Amino acid sequence: MDMFPFPVIVLLAVFILITLRQTIKIKLEIWQIMLLGAITVLITGQIPVDSAVKSINMDVMLFLFGMFVIGYSLEASGYLSHITYKFFKKAKTFHSLLFAIIFIFGIGSAVLMNDTLAIVGTPAILLLSRKHRISAKPMLLALCFAVTVGSVLSPIGNPQNLLIAINGNIANPFITFLKYLLIPTLINLFLVYLFIIVFYKEHIYRWSIIHSEEPIKDRKLAVLSKFSLYLVLFMIILKIASVASDINLDISLTSIALVSSFPIILLSEKRFEIIRRIDWHTLIFFASMFVLMECVWETKFFQEMINGIDVTSIPLILIISIILSQFISNVPLVSLYLPLLLHAGAGEKEMMALAAGSTIAGNLSILGAASNVIVIQNAEKKGEKITFFDFVKIGIPLTIANAIIYLLFLERI
């Protein structure tokens, strides 16, 4: 194996460009940098075109497409502002508003999946920021960290947890996740609150927050958006019930997103405008990321890094999954690590360590979780910038604290 195969060098270059993108003269968006990386490995023959096409996970792409349709419709119709008012109207101070954001979106991500909450939550946060003259940056970062930590709690909180729940020989996934991860996850959500308060103390506003309900902009689209949102909730509850009762209706997250978006696509007169205005740049980012990550995966560079170690050590599971998820993404990391754990006879505790580590990896850097990219790219479209350093100055110490909390609880059980 080469010391640094070319695809790994390209990946590192992508990381560097994302890190420095707002300090260099050429202003590049995250999706453009990732697309440039994918094009580089394609034109240099590092990955065949057919393999590149096959590497694009259409389940993820279609899930995001469906949720983007619902998310944009909720925002454009004004129904999202209505929901935001209902959920946050009792928060009268910055502290209580921040606390509510972290726990509502954090716990919600365990049921609705972190990417879903990122799509719906970003415009809601920007609305709160605009209405109450509060800096959006600490609240957007709180959203990123909260949906990452909260999604640890459930087998359907994120794709890697679902993979572990299905293939990890776990008898009752929902009970198992709650047994091992409920208390440390609640503690870690509170740590998110403390870290934002400490790092952004200059943004702590002393005045009272007065909420007001905004009128619905488009009643027909609001009705369709509300129906689609309820359909998402109904299908997710049905999925939870089927998994918990071992009926296994095989309701995929992709089908939930697509079926729920059909009322808007089929019945709204604004369907073409909605489709045109959804976040295509983020979809390009993910398609490009799949191509580049597949190319890096095929070098076996990172796989060979973990040869010869004790794969069942809980501290090592947390460390390896947090670090390698930054380079090959958390789902491929779990795909690599899970068979090693199964072969070594690992039990539920080790599986939960893998779920926790591969998920809180999203708090370390922007590329650690898809939900981070969704939040940051959607915020940038509205003029709110979050740099790589804005993220990691909180993300690195927060991830270390999160890992210690999970380690302490998993080692004691």
Protein backbone atom coordinates (compact mmCIF):
# COMPACT_ATOMS: atom_id res chain seq x y z
CA MET A 1 0.00 0.00 0.00
CA ASP A 2 1.26 3.49 -0.86
CA MET A 3 2.00 5.70 2.11
CA PHE A 4 -0.75 8.08 0.97
CA PRO A 5 -2.78 6.84 -2.01
CA PHE A 6 -3.90 9.59 -4.38
CA PRO A 7 -7.61 9.43 -3.37
CA VAL A 8 -6.57 9.94 0.26
CA ILE A 9 -4.53 12.98 -0.78
CA VAL A 10 -7.58 14.34 -2.61
CA LEU A 11 -9.71 13.78 0.48
CA LEU A 12 -7.19 15.61 2.65
CA ALA A 13 -7.14 18.45 0.13
CA VAL A 14 -10.94 18.64 0.37
CA PHE A 15 -10.67 18.89 4.16
CA ILE A 16 -8.06 21.64 3.89
CA LEU A 17 -10.13 23.64 1.39
CA ILE A 18 -13.23 23.34 3.56
CA THR A 19 -11.16 24.47 6.53
CA LEU A 20 -9.72 27.50 4.72
CA ARG A 21 -12.54 28.29 2.29
CA GLN A 22 -13.56 31.56 3.96
CA THR A 23 -10.02 32.82 4.48
CA ILE A 24 -8.73 32.44 0.92
CA LYS A 25 -9.50 34.87 -1.88
CA ILE A 26 -11.49 32.36 -3.94
CA LYS A 27 -14.76 31.84 -2.09
CA LEU A 28 -15.88 28.25 -2.46
CA GLU A 29 -18.98 26.64 -0.99
CA ILE A 30 -18.78 23.22 0.64
CA TRP A 31 -20.67 21.49 -2.17
CA GLN A 32 -18.31 22.97 -4.79
CA ILE A 33 -15.24 21.70 -2.92
CA MET A 34 -16.66 18.19 -2.58
CA LEU A 35 -17.70 18.20 -6.25
CA LEU A 36 -14.17 19.25 -7.21
CA GLY A 37 -12.78 16.30 -5.22
CA ALA A 38 -15.12 13.84 -6.94
CA ILE A 39 -14.28 15.23 -10.39
CA THR A 40 -10.55 14.96 -9.60
CA VAL A 41 -10.68 11.24 -8.81
CA LEU A 42 -12.89 10.64 -11.86
CA ILE A 43 -10.76 12.44 -14.45
CA THR A 44 -7.55 10.88 -13.06
CA GLY A 45 -9.03 7.40 -13.44
CA GLN A 46 -8.97 6.57 -9.73
CA ILE A 47 -12.52 5.25 -9.97
CA PRO A 48 -14.36 4.02 -13.10
CA VAL A 49 -17.46 5.98 -14.10
CA ASP A 50 -19.76 2.98 -13.61
CA SER A 51 -18.36 2.38 -10.11
CA ALA A 52 -18.80 6.07 -9.32
CA VAL A 53 -22.45 5.95 -10.38
CA LYS A 54 -23.06 2.77 -8.36
CA SER A 55 -21.43 4.32 -5.29
CA ILE A 56 -24.11 7.02 -5.06
CA ASN A 57 -26.54 5.85 -2.39
CA MET A 58 -29.91 6.48 -4.01
CA ASP A 59 -31.74 5.69 -0.77
CA VAL A 60 -30.05 8.65 0.89
CA MET A 61 -30.51 10.88 -2.17
CA LEU A 62 -34.22 10.11 -2.46
CA PHE A 63 -34.74 10.47 1.29
CA LEU A 64 -33.14 13.92 1.21
CA PHE A 65 -35.11 14.90 -1.90
CA GLY A 66 -38.43 13.97 -0.27
CA MET A 67 -37.60 15.74 2.99
CA PHE A 68 -36.32 18.82 1.14
CA VAL A 69 -39.68 19.05 -0.66
CA ILE A 70 -41.54 18.87 2.66
CA GLY A 71 -39.13 21.22 4.42
CA TYR A 72 -39.27 23.89 1.70
CA SER A 73 -43.07 23.66 1.54
CA LEU A 74 -43.37 24.05 5.31
CA GLU A 75 -41.23 27.18 5.13
CA ALA A 76 -42.76 28.70 1.98
CA SER A 77 -46.34 28.19 3.17
CA GLY A 78 -45.71 29.81 6.54
CA TYR A 79 -46.73 26.69 8.42
CA LEU A 80 -43.19 26.24 9.75
CA SER A 81 -43.36 29.63 11.48
CA HIS A 82 -46.70 28.54 12.97
CA ILE A 83 -45.13 25.34 14.37
CA THR A 84 -42.11 27.28 15.63
CA TYR A 85 -44.38 29.63 17.56
CA LYS A 86 -46.28 26.72 19.13
CA PHE A 87 -43.11 24.95 20.29
CA PHE A 88 -41.08 27.93 21.52
CA LYS A 89 -43.66 30.50 22.68
CA LYS A 90 -43.01 29.71 26.37
CA ALA A 91 -39.28 30.46 26.09
CA LYS A 92 -38.98 34.01 27.44
CA THR A 93 -35.19 34.34 27.68
CA PHE A 94 -32.20 33.42 25.55
CA HIS A 95 -31.27 30.69 28.05
CA SER A 96 -34.70 29.08 27.97
CA LEU A 97 -34.92 29.39 24.17
CA LEU A 98 -31.51 27.76 23.69
CA PHE A 99 -32.42 25.01 26.15
CA ALA A 100 -35.71 24.37 24.33
CA ILE A 101 -33.97 24.26 20.92
CA ILE A 102 -31.43 21.70 22.13
CA PHE A 103 -33.87 19.35 23.83
CA ILE A 104 -36.79 19.65 21.38
CA PHE A 105 -34.65 19.09 18.30
CA GLY A 106 -32.35 16.66 20.11
CA ILE A 107 -35.09 14.35 21.37
CA GLY A 108 -36.98 14.84 18.11
CA SER A 109 -34.03 13.56 16.10
CA ALA A 110 -34.27 10.22 17.89
CA VAL A 111 -37.70 9.75 16.29
CA LEU A 112 -37.64 11.77 13.08
CA MET A 113 -33.93 11.16 12.24
CA ASN A 114 -31.21 13.79 12.53
CA ASP A 115 -31.22 14.82 8.86
CA THR A 116 -34.97 15.46 8.96
CA LEU A 117 -34.63 17.73 11.99
CA ALA A 118 -31.70 19.53 10.31
CA ILE A 119 -33.83 20.23 7.22
CA VAL A 120 -36.83 21.50 9.20
CA GLY A 121 -34.86 23.08 12.04
CA THR A 122 -32.57 25.40 10.07
CA PRO A 123 -35.29 27.74 8.73
CA ALA A 124 -37.00 27.61 12.15
CA ILE A 125 -33.78 28.76 13.86
CA LEU A 126 -33.25 31.52 11.30
CA LEU A 127 -36.83 32.68 11.84
CA LEU A 128 -36.30 32.87 15.62
CA SER A 129 -33.02 34.72 15.12
CA ARG A 130 -34.58 37.28 12.79
CA LYS A 131 -37.70 37.90 14.87
CA HIS A 132 -35.91 38.31 18.19
CA ARG A 133 -32.73 40.03 16.96
CA ILE A 134 -30.57 37.19 18.29
CA SER A 135 -27.35 36.00 16.65
CA ALA A 136 -28.13 32.90 14.60
CA LYS A 137 -24.67 31.33 14.91
CA PRO A 138 -24.87 29.89 18.47
CA MET A 139 -28.39 28.58 17.82
CA LEU A 140 -27.42 26.98 14.51
CA LEU A 141 -24.43 25.32 16.17
CA ALA A 142 -26.72 24.17 18.98
CA LEU A 143 -29.00 22.64 16.35
CA CYS A 144 -26.08 20.78 14.71
CA PHE A 145 -24.82 19.37 18.01
CA ALA A 146 -28.29 18.61 19.40
CA VAL A 147 -29.57 16.58 16.44
CA THR A 148 -26.29 14.63 16.41
CA VAL A 149 -26.33 13.79 20.12
CA GLY A 150 -30.08 13.20 20.26
CA SER A 151 -30.01 10.75 17.37
CA VAL A 152 -27.73 8.43 19.40
CA LEU A 153 -30.78 7.49 21.45
CA SER A 154 -32.70 5.47 18.87
CA PRO A 155 -32.11 2.76 16.26
CA ILE A 156 -33.85 5.02 13.73
CA GLY A 157 -32.11 8.25 14.81
CA ASN A 158 -29.60 7.99 11.97
CA PRO A 159 -28.59 5.52 9.21
CA GLN A 160 -25.62 4.00 11.07
CA ASN A 161 -27.75 3.19 14.11
CA LEU A 162 -30.29 1.49 11.85
CA LEU A 163 -27.49 -0.58 10.31
CA ILE A 164 -26.34 -1.67 13.78
CA ALA A 165 -29.90 -2.43 14.90
CA ILE A 166 -30.58 -4.62 11.86
CA ASN A 167 -27.26 -6.43 11.56
CA GLY A 168 -25.84 -6.32 15.09
CA ASN A 169 -27.69 -9.31 16.60
CA ILE A 170 -29.67 -7.04 18.91
CA ALA A 171 -32.85 -8.72 20.14
CA ASN A 172 -34.93 -5.61 20.96
CA PRO A 173 -33.21 -2.55 19.45
CA PHE A 174 -35.43 0.19 20.94
CA ILE A 175 -35.17 -1.18 24.49
CA THR A 176 -31.46 -1.86 24.12
CA PHE A 177 -30.64 1.65 22.88
CA LEU A 178 -32.65 3.20 25.73
CA LYS A 179 -31.09 0.90 28.33
CA TYR A 180 -27.50 1.81 27.44
CA LEU A 181 -27.78 5.29 25.94
CA LEU A 182 -30.74 7.20 27.45
CA ILE A 183 -29.05 8.69 30.53
CA PRO A 184 -25.68 9.56 28.90
CA THR A 185 -27.48 11.09 25.91
CA LEU A 186 -29.59 13.35 28.15
CA ILE A 187 -26.42 14.39 29.99
CA ASN A 188 -24.68 15.09 26.68
CA LEU A 189 -27.59 17.23 25.48
CA PHE A 190 -27.21 19.28 28.63
CA LEU A 191 -23.47 19.55 27.90
CA VAL A 192 -24.34 20.99 24.47
CA TYR A 193 -26.31 23.70 26.28
CA LEU A 194 -23.41 24.44 28.68
CA PHE A 195 -20.79 24.54 25.91
CA ILE A 196 -22.82 26.98 23.79
CA ILE A 197 -23.37 29.23 26.85
CA VAL A 198 -19.65 29.19 27.71
CA PHE A 199 -18.31 29.71 24.19
CA TYR A 200 -20.91 32.32 23.21
CA LYS A 201 -21.37 34.18 26.48
CA GLU A 202 -21.11 37.48 24.62
CA HIS A 203 -24.29 36.49 22.74
CA ILE A 204 -26.33 35.89 25.88
CA TYR A 205 -29.08 38.48 25.70
CA ARG A 206 -30.63 39.86 28.85
CA TRP A 207 -33.90 41.18 27.41
CA SER A 208 -37.12 39.21 27.50
CA ILE A 209 -38.26 37.45 24.34
CA ILE A 210 -41.78 38.26 23.18
CA HIS A 211 -43.17 35.76 20.67
CA SER A 212 -45.79 36.54 18.06
CA GLU A 213 -47.55 34.20 15.69
CA GLU A 214 -47.05 34.96 12.00
CA PRO A 215 -49.91 34.49 9.53
CA ILE A 216 -49.99 31.59 7.07
CA LYS A 217 -48.71 32.76 3.68
CA ASP A 218 -50.26 30.07 1.47
CA ARG A 219 -53.16 28.18 3.03
CA LYS A 220 -53.42 25.43 0.42
CA LEU A 221 -49.71 24.68 0.54
CA ALA A 222 -49.85 24.86 4.36
CA VAL A 223 -52.60 22.22 4.42
CA LEU A 224 -50.60 19.95 2.11
CA SER A 225 -47.40 20.53 4.11
CA LYS A 226 -49.20 19.79 7.37
CA PHE A 227 -50.63 16.58 5.89
CA SER A 228 -47.18 15.54 4.63
CA LEU A 229 -45.66 16.22 8.05
CA TYR A 230 -48.34 14.16 9.79
CA LEU A 231 -47.78 11.40 7.22
CA VAL A 232 -44.08 11.36 8.12
CA LEU A 233 -44.94 11.04 11.81
CA PHE A 234 -47.54 8.33 11.19
CA MET A 235 -45.20 6.22 9.05
CA ILE A 236 -42.35 6.55 11.52
CA ILE A 237 -44.61 5.50 14.40
CA LEU A 238 -45.74 2.57 12.26
CA LYS A 239 -42.11 1.67 11.61
CA ILE A 240 -41.26 1.87 15.32
CA ALA A 241 -44.26 -0.29 16.20
CA SER A 242 -43.39 -2.89 13.55
CA VAL A 243 -39.76 -3.14 14.70
CA ALA A 244 -40.72 -3.27 18.38
CA SER A 245 -43.28 -6.04 17.76
CA ASP A 246 -41.07 -8.00 15.30
CA ILE A 247 -43.74 -7.71 12.59
CA ASN A 248 -41.14 -6.08 10.33
CA LEU A 249 -43.23 -4.20 7.78
CA ASP A 250 -39.97 -3.12 6.12
CA ILE A 251 -40.87 0.56 5.90
CA SER A 252 -37.69 2.22 4.68
CA LEU A 253 -36.76 5.78 5.53
CA THR A 254 -36.65 6.50 1.80
CA SER A 255 -40.23 5.36 1.31
CA ILE A 256 -41.32 7.44 4.31
CA ALA A 257 -39.81 10.59 2.79
CA LEU A 258 -41.05 9.97 -0.76
CA VAL A 259 -44.58 8.86 0.12
CA SER A 260 -44.93 11.81 2.50
CA SER A 261 -43.80 14.28 -0.18
CA PHE A 262 -46.26 12.95 -2.82
CA PRO A 263 -49.25 15.04 -1.62
CA ILE A 264 -47.23 18.20 -2.24
CA ILE A 265 -45.77 17.06 -5.57
CA LEU A 266 -49.08 15.71 -6.90
CA LEU A 267 -51.57 18.26 -5.56
CA SER A 268 -49.77 21.57 -5.22
CA GLU A 269 -50.02 24.02 -8.11
CA LYS A 270 -46.54 25.20 -7.15
CA ARG A 271 -44.95 21.75 -7.52
CA PHE A 272 -42.44 22.82 -10.19
CA GLU A 273 -41.39 25.92 -8.26
CA ILE A 274 -40.95 23.81 -5.12
CA ILE A 275 -38.84 21.20 -6.92
CA ARG A 276 -36.79 23.94 -8.58
CA ARG A 277 -36.09 25.71 -5.30
CA ILE A 278 -35.20 22.80 -3.01
CA ASP A 279 -31.57 22.51 -1.91
CA TRP A 280 -30.02 20.91 -4.99
CA HIS A 281 -26.54 22.01 -3.92
CA THR A 282 -26.69 19.76 -0.86
CA LEU A 283 -27.80 16.85 -3.06
CA ILE A 284 -24.79 17.52 -5.31
CA PHE A 285 -22.59 17.53 -2.21
CA PHE A 286 -23.81 14.09 -1.14
CA ALA A 287 -23.54 12.55 -4.61
CA SER A 288 -19.97 13.86 -4.83
CA MET A 289 -19.16 12.68 -1.31
CA PHE A 290 -20.32 9.15 -2.11
CA VAL A 291 -18.03 9.03 -5.14
CA LEU A 292 -14.98 10.34 -3.28
CA MET A 293 -15.58 8.18 -0.20
CA GLU A 294 -15.99 5.05 -2.35
CA CYS A 295 -12.70 5.82 -4.08
CA VAL A 296 -10.95 6.28 -0.72
CA TRP A 297 -12.63 3.12 0.61
CA GLU A 298 -11.26 1.05 -2.28
CA THR A 299 -7.68 2.03 -1.39
CA LYS A 300 -8.13 0.07 1.91
CA PHE A 301 -5.92 2.72 3.50
CA PHE A 302 -8.09 3.25 6.57
CA GLN A 303 -9.13 -0.41 6.82
CA GLU A 304 -5.50 -1.43 7.22
CA MET A 305 -5.02 1.18 9.94
CA ILE A 306 -7.15 -0.83 12.37
CA ASN A 307 -5.63 -4.24 11.66
CA GLY A 308 -4.19 -5.99 14.69
CA ILE A 309 -6.01 -4.00 17.40
CA ASP A 310 -8.49 -5.14 20.04
CA VAL A 311 -11.65 -4.29 18.13
CA THR A 312 -13.92 -5.00 21.14
CA SER A 313 -12.26 -2.50 23.49
CA ILE A 314 -14.92 0.12 24.24
CA PRO A 315 -12.44 3.04 24.50
CA LEU A 316 -10.92 2.01 21.15
CA ILE A 317 -14.33 1.60 19.53
CA LEU A 318 -15.19 5.17 20.53
CA ILE A 319 -11.83 6.61 19.46
CA ILE A 320 -11.64 4.78 16.13
CA SER A 321 -15.24 5.45 15.16
CA ILE A 322 -14.97 9.16 16.01
CA ILE A 323 -11.72 9.67 14.09
CA LEU A 324 -12.30 7.46 11.04
CA SER A 325 -15.84 8.76 10.57
CA GLN A 326 -14.27 12.10 9.63
CA PHE A 327 -12.51 10.48 6.68
CA ILE A 328 -14.75 7.71 5.37
CA SER A 329 -18.09 8.91 6.85
CA ASN A 330 -19.94 7.16 9.65
CA VAL A 331 -22.05 4.72 7.62
CA PRO A 332 -19.04 3.20 5.77
CA LEU A 333 -17.19 3.15 9.10
CA VAL A 334 -19.98 1.10 10.68
CA SER A 335 -20.09 -1.14 7.59
CA LEU A 336 -16.38 -1.80 8.12
CA TYR A 337 -16.38 -2.17 11.90
CA LEU A 338 -19.60 -4.12 12.47
CA PRO A 339 -18.39 -7.40 10.87
CA LEU A 340 -15.19 -7.17 12.93
CA LEU A 341 -17.23 -6.88 16.13
CA LEU A 342 -19.53 -9.75 15.15
CA HIS A 343 -16.56 -11.97 14.28
CA ALA A 344 -14.95 -11.16 17.65
CA GLY A 345 -18.16 -12.14 19.48
CA ALA A 346 -18.98 -8.62 20.68
CA GLY A 347 -22.20 -8.08 22.63
CA GLU A 348 -24.78 -5.33 23.00
CA LYS A 349 -22.46 -3.05 24.96
CA GLU A 350 -19.87 -2.97 22.17
CA MET A 351 -22.59 -2.39 19.57
CA MET A 352 -23.87 0.58 21.58
CA ALA A 353 -20.33 1.96 21.79
CA LEU A 354 -20.11 1.77 18.00
CA ALA A 355 -23.48 3.53 17.65
CA ALA A 356 -22.47 6.28 20.08
CA GLY A 357 -18.97 6.81 18.69
CA SER A 358 -19.92 6.83 15.00
CA THR A 359 -22.74 9.29 15.76
CA ILE A 360 -21.03 11.82 18.04
CA ALA A 361 -18.27 11.89 15.44
CA GLY A 362 -20.60 14.43 13.86
CA ASN A 363 -19.77 16.91 16.60
CA LEU A 364 -16.05 16.89 15.85
CA SER A 365 -16.11 18.61 12.45
CA ILE A 366 -18.49 19.80 9.76
CA LEU A 367 -17.93 16.69 7.64
CA GLY A 368 -18.54 14.36 10.58
CA ALA A 369 -22.31 14.29 9.95
CA ALA A 370 -24.59 14.85 6.99
CA SER A 371 -26.89 16.94 9.19
CA ASN A 372 -24.07 19.47 9.74
CA VAL A 373 -23.73 20.03 6.02
CA ILE A 374 -27.50 20.39 5.63
CA VAL A 375 -27.67 23.05 8.36
CA ILE A 376 -24.60 25.00 7.24
CA GLN A 377 -25.43 25.01 3.52
CA ASN A 378 -29.06 26.03 4.12
CA ALA A 379 -27.92 28.76 6.51
CA GLU A 380 -25.39 30.07 3.99
CA LYS A 381 -28.16 30.41 1.40
CA LYS A 382 -29.81 32.84 3.84
CA GLY A 383 -26.58 34.75 4.49
CA GLU A 384 -25.55 33.11 7.79
CA LYS A 385 -21.94 31.88 7.76
CA ILE A 386 -20.47 29.20 9.99
CA THR A 387 -16.79 28.56 9.39
CA PHE A 388 -14.84 25.39 9.99
CA PHE A 389 -13.18 27.04 13.01
CA ASP A 390 -16.52 28.24 14.40
CA PHE A 391 -17.54 24.59 14.44
CA VAL A 392 -14.42 22.85 15.72
CA LYS A 393 -13.63 25.31 18.52
CA ILE A 394 -16.72 23.93 20.28
CA GLY A 395 -16.94 20.60 18.47
CA ILE A 396 -13.56 19.18 19.52
CA PRO A 397 -13.89 19.69 23.30
CA LEU A 398 -17.60 18.80 23.15
CA THR A 399 -16.89 15.52 21.33
CA ILE A 400 -14.22 14.61 23.90
CA ALA A 401 -16.69 15.33 26.72
CA ASN A 402 -19.45 13.36 24.95
CA ALA A 403 -17.14 10.37 24.46
CA ILE A 404 -16.08 10.39 28.12
CA ILE A 405 -19.73 10.39 29.26
CA TYR A 406 -20.62 7.44 27.01
CA LEU A 407 -17.44 5.60 28.04
CA LEU A 408 -18.20 6.01 31.75
CA PHE A 409 -21.76 4.71 31.37
CA LEU A 410 -20.91 1.85 29.03
CA GLU A 411 -18.01 0.67 31.20
CA ARG A 412 -20.21 0.71 34.33
CA ILE A 413 -23.18 -1.23 32.88
